N, C-alpha and C. Protein backbone atom coordinates (compact mmCIF):
# COMPACT_ATOMS: atom_id res chain seq x y z
N UNK A 1 0.82 -1.20 0.00
CA UNK A 1 0.00 0.00 0.00
C UNK A 1 0.86 1.26 0.00
N UNK A 2 1.91 1.24 0.82
CA UNK A 2 2.77 2.40 0.86
C UNK A 2 3.48 2.59 -0.49
N UNK A 3 3.83 1.47 -1.14
CA UNK A 3 4.48 1.54 -2.43
C UNK A 3 3.55 2.19 -3.48
N UNK A 4 2.27 1.85 -3.45
CA UNK A 4 1.29 2.43 -4.36
C UNK A 4 1.19 3.93 -4.15
N UNK A 5 1.15 4.39 -2.92
CA UNK A 5 1.06 5.82 -2.62
C UNK A 5 2.32 6.54 -3.09
N UNK A 6 3.49 5.89 -2.92
CA UNK A 6 4.74 6.50 -3.37
C UNK A 6 4.75 6.62 -4.90
N UNK A 7 4.27 5.57 -5.57
CA UNK A 7 4.22 5.60 -7.04
C UNK A 7 3.30 6.71 -7.53
N UNK A 8 2.15 6.87 -6.88
CA UNK A 8 1.23 7.93 -7.28
C UNK A 8 1.86 9.30 -7.06
N UNK A 9 2.55 9.47 -5.93
CA UNK A 9 3.21 10.75 -5.65
C UNK A 9 4.30 11.02 -6.69
N UNK A 10 5.06 9.98 -7.04
CA UNK A 10 6.12 10.12 -8.01
C UNK A 10 5.54 10.51 -9.37
N UNK A 11 4.45 9.85 -9.80
CA UNK A 11 3.83 10.17 -11.08
C UNK A 11 3.29 11.59 -11.09
N UNK A 12 2.70 12.02 -9.97
CA UNK A 12 2.18 13.39 -9.88
C UNK A 12 3.32 14.40 -9.97
N UNK A 13 4.42 14.11 -9.30
CA UNK A 13 5.57 15.03 -9.35
C UNK A 13 6.16 15.09 -10.76
N UNK A 14 6.22 13.92 -11.43
CA UNK A 14 6.72 13.88 -12.80
C UNK A 14 5.81 14.71 -13.73
N UNK A 15 4.52 14.54 -13.57
CA UNK A 15 3.56 15.27 -14.39
C UNK A 15 3.68 16.77 -14.16
N UNK A 16 3.83 17.18 -12.92
CA UNK A 16 3.97 18.59 -12.60
C UNK A 16 5.26 19.15 -13.21
N UNK A 17 6.36 18.39 -13.12
CA UNK A 17 7.62 18.82 -13.70
C UNK A 17 7.48 19.00 -15.20
N UNK A 18 6.82 18.05 -15.85
CA UNK A 18 6.60 18.13 -17.30
C UNK A 18 5.77 19.37 -17.66
N UNK A 19 4.72 19.60 -16.91
CA UNK A 19 3.86 20.78 -17.17
C UNK A 19 4.65 22.08 -17.00
N UNK A 20 5.45 22.16 -15.95
CA UNK A 20 6.23 23.37 -15.72
C UNK A 20 7.28 23.56 -16.82
N UNK A 21 7.87 22.48 -17.28
CA UNK A 21 8.84 22.56 -18.36
C UNK A 21 8.18 23.05 -19.64
N UNK A 22 7.01 22.51 -19.96
CA UNK A 22 6.28 22.94 -21.16
C UNK A 22 5.87 24.41 -21.05
N UNK A 23 5.44 24.81 -19.87
CA UNK A 23 5.05 26.21 -19.66
C UNK A 23 6.24 27.12 -19.91
N UNK A 24 7.41 26.71 -19.44
CA UNK A 24 8.62 27.50 -19.67
C UNK A 24 8.98 27.60 -21.14
N UNK A 25 8.81 26.50 -21.86
CA UNK A 25 9.10 26.51 -23.30
C UNK A 25 8.12 27.41 -24.04
N UNK A 26 6.87 27.32 -23.67
CA UNK A 26 5.85 28.09 -24.36
C UNK A 26 5.89 29.57 -24.02
N UNK A 27 6.47 29.91 -22.90
CA UNK A 27 6.52 31.32 -22.50
C UNK A 27 7.29 32.15 -23.52
N UNK A 28 8.27 31.56 -24.18
CA UNK A 28 9.04 32.28 -25.18
C UNK A 28 8.43 32.26 -26.55
N UNK A 29 7.30 31.59 -26.72
CA UNK A 29 6.66 31.47 -28.02
C UNK A 29 5.70 32.63 -28.22
N UNK A 30 5.81 33.36 -29.35
CA UNK A 30 4.88 34.47 -29.55
C UNK A 30 3.44 33.98 -29.62
N UNK A 31 2.56 34.73 -29.01
CA UNK A 31 1.14 34.37 -29.05
C UNK A 31 0.60 34.58 -30.45
N UNK A 32 -0.41 33.83 -30.80
CA UNK A 32 -1.07 34.03 -32.08
C UNK A 32 -1.85 35.34 -32.02
N UNK A 33 -1.99 35.95 -33.18
CA UNK A 33 -2.72 37.21 -33.23
C UNK A 33 -4.09 37.06 -32.58
N UNK A 34 -4.42 38.01 -31.73
CA UNK A 34 -5.67 37.95 -30.99
C UNK A 34 -6.82 38.54 -31.78
N UNK A 35 -6.55 38.98 -33.00
CA UNK A 35 -7.56 39.67 -33.77
C UNK A 35 -8.52 38.77 -34.50
N UNK A 36 -9.40 39.41 -35.26
CA UNK A 36 -10.43 38.76 -36.05
C UNK A 36 -10.00 38.80 -37.51
N UNK A 37 -9.70 37.64 -38.08
CA UNK A 37 -9.19 37.56 -39.45
C UNK A 37 -10.19 38.12 -40.46
N UNK A 38 -11.48 37.93 -40.24
CA UNK A 38 -12.49 38.46 -41.18
C UNK A 38 -12.47 39.99 -41.18
N UNK A 39 -12.38 40.58 -39.98
CA UNK A 39 -12.28 42.05 -39.89
C UNK A 39 -10.96 42.51 -40.48
N UNK A 40 -9.91 41.72 -40.29
CA UNK A 40 -8.61 42.05 -40.85
C UNK A 40 -8.61 42.03 -42.36
N UNK A 41 -9.37 41.12 -42.94
CA UNK A 41 -9.47 41.05 -44.41
C UNK A 41 -10.11 42.33 -44.95
N UNK A 42 -11.14 42.82 -44.26
CA UNK A 42 -11.79 44.07 -44.67
C UNK A 42 -10.80 45.23 -44.57
N UNK A 43 -10.08 45.32 -43.44
CA UNK A 43 -9.09 46.38 -43.29
C UNK A 43 -7.98 46.28 -44.33
N UNK A 44 -7.54 45.04 -44.58
CA UNK A 44 -6.50 44.83 -45.60
C UNK A 44 -6.97 45.36 -46.95
N UNK A 45 -8.21 45.04 -47.33
CA UNK A 45 -8.70 45.49 -48.63
C UNK A 45 -8.82 47.01 -48.67
N UNK A 46 -9.11 47.64 -47.54
CA UNK A 46 -9.24 49.10 -47.49
C UNK A 46 -7.91 49.83 -47.42
N UNK A 47 -6.95 49.28 -46.69
CA UNK A 47 -5.73 50.02 -46.39
C UNK A 47 -4.46 49.45 -47.00
N UNK A 48 -4.46 48.18 -47.37
CA UNK A 48 -3.20 47.53 -47.78
C UNK A 48 -3.20 47.08 -49.25
N UNK A 49 -4.39 46.76 -49.77
CA UNK A 49 -4.45 46.09 -51.08
C UNK A 49 -4.06 46.98 -52.25
N UNK A 50 -3.99 48.28 -52.05
CA UNK A 50 -3.53 49.15 -53.13
C UNK A 50 -2.07 48.83 -53.48
N UNK A 51 -1.31 48.40 -52.47
CA UNK A 51 0.12 48.12 -52.66
C UNK A 51 0.50 46.65 -52.52
N UNK A 52 -0.31 45.86 -51.83
CA UNK A 52 0.04 44.46 -51.55
C UNK A 52 -1.08 43.51 -51.98
N UNK A 53 -0.68 42.37 -52.50
CA UNK A 53 -1.64 41.31 -52.85
C UNK A 53 -1.58 40.23 -51.79
N UNK A 54 -2.72 39.64 -51.45
CA UNK A 54 -2.74 38.55 -50.48
C UNK A 54 -2.61 37.17 -51.13
N UNK A 55 -2.15 37.14 -52.38
CA UNK A 55 -2.05 35.87 -53.10
C UNK A 55 -0.60 35.61 -53.49
N UNK A 56 -0.29 34.37 -53.66
CA UNK A 56 1.07 33.94 -54.02
C UNK A 56 1.48 34.46 -55.37
N UNK A 57 2.69 34.99 -55.46
CA UNK A 57 3.28 35.35 -56.74
C UNK A 57 2.80 36.66 -57.36
N UNK A 58 1.99 37.42 -56.67
CA UNK A 58 1.48 38.67 -57.25
C UNK A 58 2.03 39.86 -56.45
N UNK A 59 3.08 40.44 -56.96
CA UNK A 59 3.62 41.65 -56.36
C UNK A 59 2.94 42.85 -56.99
N UNK A 60 2.80 43.89 -56.20
CA UNK A 60 2.28 45.17 -56.70
C UNK A 60 3.37 46.20 -56.44
N UNK A 61 3.02 47.35 -55.94
CA UNK A 61 4.02 48.34 -55.53
C UNK A 61 4.87 47.71 -54.42
N UNK A 62 4.21 46.95 -53.55
CA UNK A 62 4.88 46.22 -52.49
C UNK A 62 4.82 44.72 -52.78
N UNK A 63 5.53 43.93 -51.98
CA UNK A 63 5.57 42.48 -52.21
C UNK A 63 4.26 41.79 -51.87
N UNK A 64 4.07 40.63 -52.44
CA UNK A 64 2.95 39.76 -52.05
C UNK A 64 3.07 39.46 -50.56
N UNK A 65 1.96 39.45 -49.88
CA UNK A 65 1.99 39.14 -48.45
C UNK A 65 1.51 37.71 -48.17
N UNK A 66 1.41 36.91 -49.24
CA UNK A 66 1.08 35.48 -49.08
C UNK A 66 2.18 34.83 -48.25
N UNK A 67 1.83 34.18 -47.19
CA UNK A 67 2.75 33.49 -46.28
C UNK A 67 3.82 34.43 -45.71
N UNK A 68 3.46 35.68 -45.48
CA UNK A 68 4.42 36.63 -44.91
C UNK A 68 4.76 36.27 -43.46
N UNK A 69 3.80 35.74 -42.72
CA UNK A 69 4.08 35.38 -41.32
C UNK A 69 5.03 34.19 -41.32
N UNK A 70 6.16 34.38 -40.66
CA UNK A 70 7.19 33.35 -40.62
C UNK A 70 8.32 33.61 -41.62
N UNK A 71 8.14 34.59 -42.51
CA UNK A 71 9.15 34.90 -43.52
C UNK A 71 10.14 35.94 -42.97
N UNK A 72 11.40 35.80 -43.32
CA UNK A 72 12.41 36.79 -42.96
C UNK A 72 12.15 38.03 -43.81
N UNK A 73 12.20 39.18 -43.18
CA UNK A 73 11.95 40.44 -43.88
C UNK A 73 12.92 40.62 -45.03
N UNK A 74 12.39 41.12 -46.15
CA UNK A 74 13.23 41.45 -47.30
C UNK A 74 13.75 40.27 -48.09
N UNK A 75 13.06 39.14 -48.05
CA UNK A 75 13.61 37.94 -48.69
C UNK A 75 12.74 37.32 -49.76
N UNK A 76 11.58 37.87 -50.08
CA UNK A 76 10.76 37.29 -51.16
C UNK A 76 11.56 37.46 -52.46
N UNK A 77 11.94 36.34 -53.10
CA UNK A 77 12.86 36.44 -54.24
C UNK A 77 12.33 37.20 -55.45
N UNK A 78 11.01 37.32 -55.57
CA UNK A 78 10.45 37.97 -56.75
C UNK A 78 10.19 39.46 -56.57
N UNK A 79 10.66 40.03 -55.47
CA UNK A 79 10.44 41.45 -55.21
C UNK A 79 11.78 42.15 -54.92
N UNK A 80 11.91 43.38 -55.39
CA UNK A 80 13.12 44.16 -55.15
C UNK A 80 12.90 45.06 -53.94
N UNK A 81 13.50 44.71 -52.85
CA UNK A 81 13.35 45.44 -51.58
C UNK A 81 14.38 46.56 -51.46
N UNK A 82 14.07 47.51 -50.61
CA UNK A 82 15.03 48.55 -50.25
C UNK A 82 16.16 47.88 -49.42
N UNK A 83 17.30 48.53 -49.41
CA UNK A 83 18.42 48.03 -48.58
C UNK A 83 18.00 47.99 -47.12
N UNK A 84 17.21 48.98 -46.70
CA UNK A 84 16.76 49.03 -45.30
C UNK A 84 15.98 47.77 -44.94
N UNK A 85 15.07 47.34 -45.81
CA UNK A 85 14.28 46.16 -45.52
C UNK A 85 15.13 44.90 -45.63
N UNK A 86 16.03 44.85 -46.60
CA UNK A 86 16.90 43.67 -46.72
C UNK A 86 17.76 43.50 -45.47
N UNK A 87 18.14 44.62 -44.86
CA UNK A 87 19.01 44.58 -43.68
C UNK A 87 18.24 44.66 -42.36
N UNK A 88 16.93 44.54 -42.40
CA UNK A 88 16.12 44.69 -41.18
C UNK A 88 16.35 43.58 -40.17
N UNK A 89 16.78 42.44 -40.62
CA UNK A 89 17.12 41.32 -39.72
C UNK A 89 15.99 40.99 -38.74
N UNK A 90 14.83 40.73 -39.29
CA UNK A 90 13.70 40.31 -38.46
C UNK A 90 12.87 39.29 -39.25
N UNK A 91 12.19 38.46 -38.50
CA UNK A 91 11.26 37.50 -39.09
C UNK A 91 9.87 38.01 -38.73
N UNK A 92 8.98 38.01 -39.71
CA UNK A 92 7.63 38.54 -39.47
C UNK A 92 6.83 37.54 -38.66
N UNK A 93 6.49 37.93 -37.46
CA UNK A 93 5.58 37.17 -36.60
C UNK A 93 4.63 38.20 -35.98
N UNK A 94 3.79 37.73 -35.08
CA UNK A 94 2.79 38.65 -34.49
C UNK A 94 3.47 39.88 -33.87
N UNK A 95 4.53 39.66 -33.12
CA UNK A 95 5.17 40.77 -32.40
C UNK A 95 5.87 41.73 -33.36
N UNK A 96 6.63 41.21 -34.34
CA UNK A 96 7.35 42.10 -35.24
C UNK A 96 6.39 42.84 -36.17
N UNK A 97 5.34 42.17 -36.62
CA UNK A 97 4.34 42.84 -37.45
C UNK A 97 3.62 43.92 -36.66
N UNK A 98 3.24 43.60 -35.43
CA UNK A 98 2.54 44.58 -34.60
C UNK A 98 3.39 45.82 -34.40
N UNK A 99 4.65 45.63 -34.10
CA UNK A 99 5.55 46.75 -33.89
C UNK A 99 5.73 47.56 -35.18
N UNK A 100 5.97 46.89 -36.29
CA UNK A 100 6.21 47.54 -37.57
C UNK A 100 4.99 48.32 -38.06
N UNK A 101 3.82 47.73 -37.93
CA UNK A 101 2.63 48.34 -38.51
C UNK A 101 2.15 49.59 -37.76
N UNK A 102 2.70 49.86 -36.60
CA UNK A 102 2.36 51.11 -35.89
C UNK A 102 2.78 52.29 -36.76
N UNK A 103 4.01 52.25 -37.26
CA UNK A 103 4.55 53.36 -38.08
C UNK A 103 5.75 52.81 -38.88
N UNK A 104 5.49 52.18 -40.03
CA UNK A 104 6.54 51.48 -40.77
C UNK A 104 7.80 52.31 -41.06
N UNK A 105 7.65 53.53 -41.50
CA UNK A 105 8.83 54.34 -41.87
C UNK A 105 9.65 54.75 -40.66
N UNK A 106 9.01 54.82 -39.51
CA UNK A 106 9.74 55.13 -38.27
C UNK A 106 10.42 53.87 -37.73
N UNK A 107 9.80 52.74 -37.90
CA UNK A 107 10.35 51.49 -37.34
C UNK A 107 11.54 51.00 -38.14
N UNK A 108 11.49 51.15 -39.48
CA UNK A 108 12.61 50.76 -40.33
C UNK A 108 12.84 51.93 -41.30
N UNK A 109 13.62 52.92 -40.87
CA UNK A 109 13.89 54.07 -41.75
C UNK A 109 14.52 53.63 -43.07
N UNK A 110 14.02 54.21 -44.15
CA UNK A 110 14.57 53.91 -45.47
C UNK A 110 13.78 52.89 -46.26
N UNK A 111 12.68 52.36 -45.68
CA UNK A 111 11.86 51.41 -46.44
C UNK A 111 11.08 52.15 -47.53
N UNK A 112 10.66 51.40 -48.54
CA UNK A 112 9.87 51.99 -49.63
C UNK A 112 8.44 52.29 -49.19
N UNK A 113 7.96 51.57 -48.20
CA UNK A 113 6.55 51.65 -47.80
C UNK A 113 6.20 53.06 -47.33
N UNK A 114 5.21 53.67 -47.97
CA UNK A 114 4.83 55.05 -47.62
C UNK A 114 3.62 55.11 -46.68
N UNK A 115 3.06 53.96 -46.37
CA UNK A 115 1.89 53.87 -45.50
C UNK A 115 2.22 54.44 -44.13
N UNK A 116 1.34 55.30 -43.60
CA UNK A 116 1.58 55.95 -42.31
C UNK A 116 1.53 54.97 -41.15
N UNK A 117 0.73 53.92 -41.24
CA UNK A 117 0.65 52.93 -40.18
C UNK A 117 -0.75 52.73 -39.65
N UNK A 118 -0.86 51.79 -38.74
CA UNK A 118 -2.13 51.48 -38.07
C UNK A 118 -1.93 51.73 -36.57
N UNK A 119 -2.23 52.92 -36.10
CA UNK A 119 -2.01 53.22 -34.68
C UNK A 119 -2.97 52.48 -33.74
N UNK A 120 -4.11 52.03 -34.25
CA UNK A 120 -5.12 51.38 -33.44
C UNK A 120 -4.74 49.90 -33.26
N UNK A 121 -4.49 49.48 -32.02
CA UNK A 121 -4.05 48.11 -31.76
C UNK A 121 -5.05 47.05 -32.24
N UNK A 122 -6.36 47.19 -31.98
CA UNK A 122 -7.28 46.17 -32.51
C UNK A 122 -7.23 46.06 -34.04
N UNK A 123 -7.06 47.17 -34.73
CA UNK A 123 -6.92 47.11 -36.19
C UNK A 123 -5.68 46.31 -36.57
N UNK A 124 -4.55 46.58 -35.90
CA UNK A 124 -3.32 45.84 -36.19
C UNK A 124 -3.51 44.35 -35.93
N UNK A 125 -4.13 44.03 -34.81
CA UNK A 125 -4.33 42.62 -34.46
C UNK A 125 -5.23 41.94 -35.49
N UNK A 126 -6.25 42.63 -35.98
CA UNK A 126 -7.12 42.07 -37.01
C UNK A 126 -6.36 41.82 -38.31
N UNK A 127 -5.56 42.79 -38.72
CA UNK A 127 -4.77 42.62 -39.95
C UNK A 127 -3.78 41.49 -39.79
N UNK A 128 -3.12 41.40 -38.64
CA UNK A 128 -2.16 40.33 -38.40
C UNK A 128 -2.85 38.97 -38.40
N UNK A 129 -4.04 38.90 -37.82
CA UNK A 129 -4.79 37.63 -37.85
C UNK A 129 -5.09 37.24 -39.30
N UNK A 130 -5.45 38.22 -40.10
CA UNK A 130 -5.71 37.92 -41.52
C UNK A 130 -4.43 37.47 -42.23
N UNK A 131 -3.33 38.20 -42.02
CA UNK A 131 -2.07 37.81 -42.64
C UNK A 131 -1.65 36.40 -42.21
N UNK A 132 -1.92 36.06 -40.96
CA UNK A 132 -1.61 34.71 -40.46
C UNK A 132 -2.41 33.63 -41.17
N UNK A 133 -3.55 34.01 -41.70
CA UNK A 133 -4.41 33.03 -42.39
C UNK A 133 -3.99 32.79 -43.84
N UNK A 134 -3.07 33.60 -44.34
CA UNK A 134 -2.67 33.49 -45.75
C UNK A 134 -1.63 32.39 -45.91
N UNK A 135 -2.12 31.18 -46.10
CA UNK A 135 -1.24 30.01 -46.21
C UNK A 135 -1.62 29.17 -47.40
């Protein structure tokens, strides 16, 4: 009986250790965009689509944003980026997109993008959720 109780305690401690380890690993993982992708699609069509296409292989004034989330900035082979964007040394994820979209020209001086930005956080989160859906 005592052995059974010890085994249960050991299993519980192991499970707790595993949970704490996973929590630690996940703490460094960027959260998924908290926005509404459908609302983001509407905002994208109103504010972004003049320069960017949400489809693969279609560049406009700016690069295609198909699968932009997870892509290293300035690396789409079919688009000619500014030196500033090529040297930005960032991967587009929720956090980097959120920061950049506040005021693109201030965040990476010298980029071609003339868009003033999205100062409203819910708008940014909605657009990021939409961009995350482009796969």
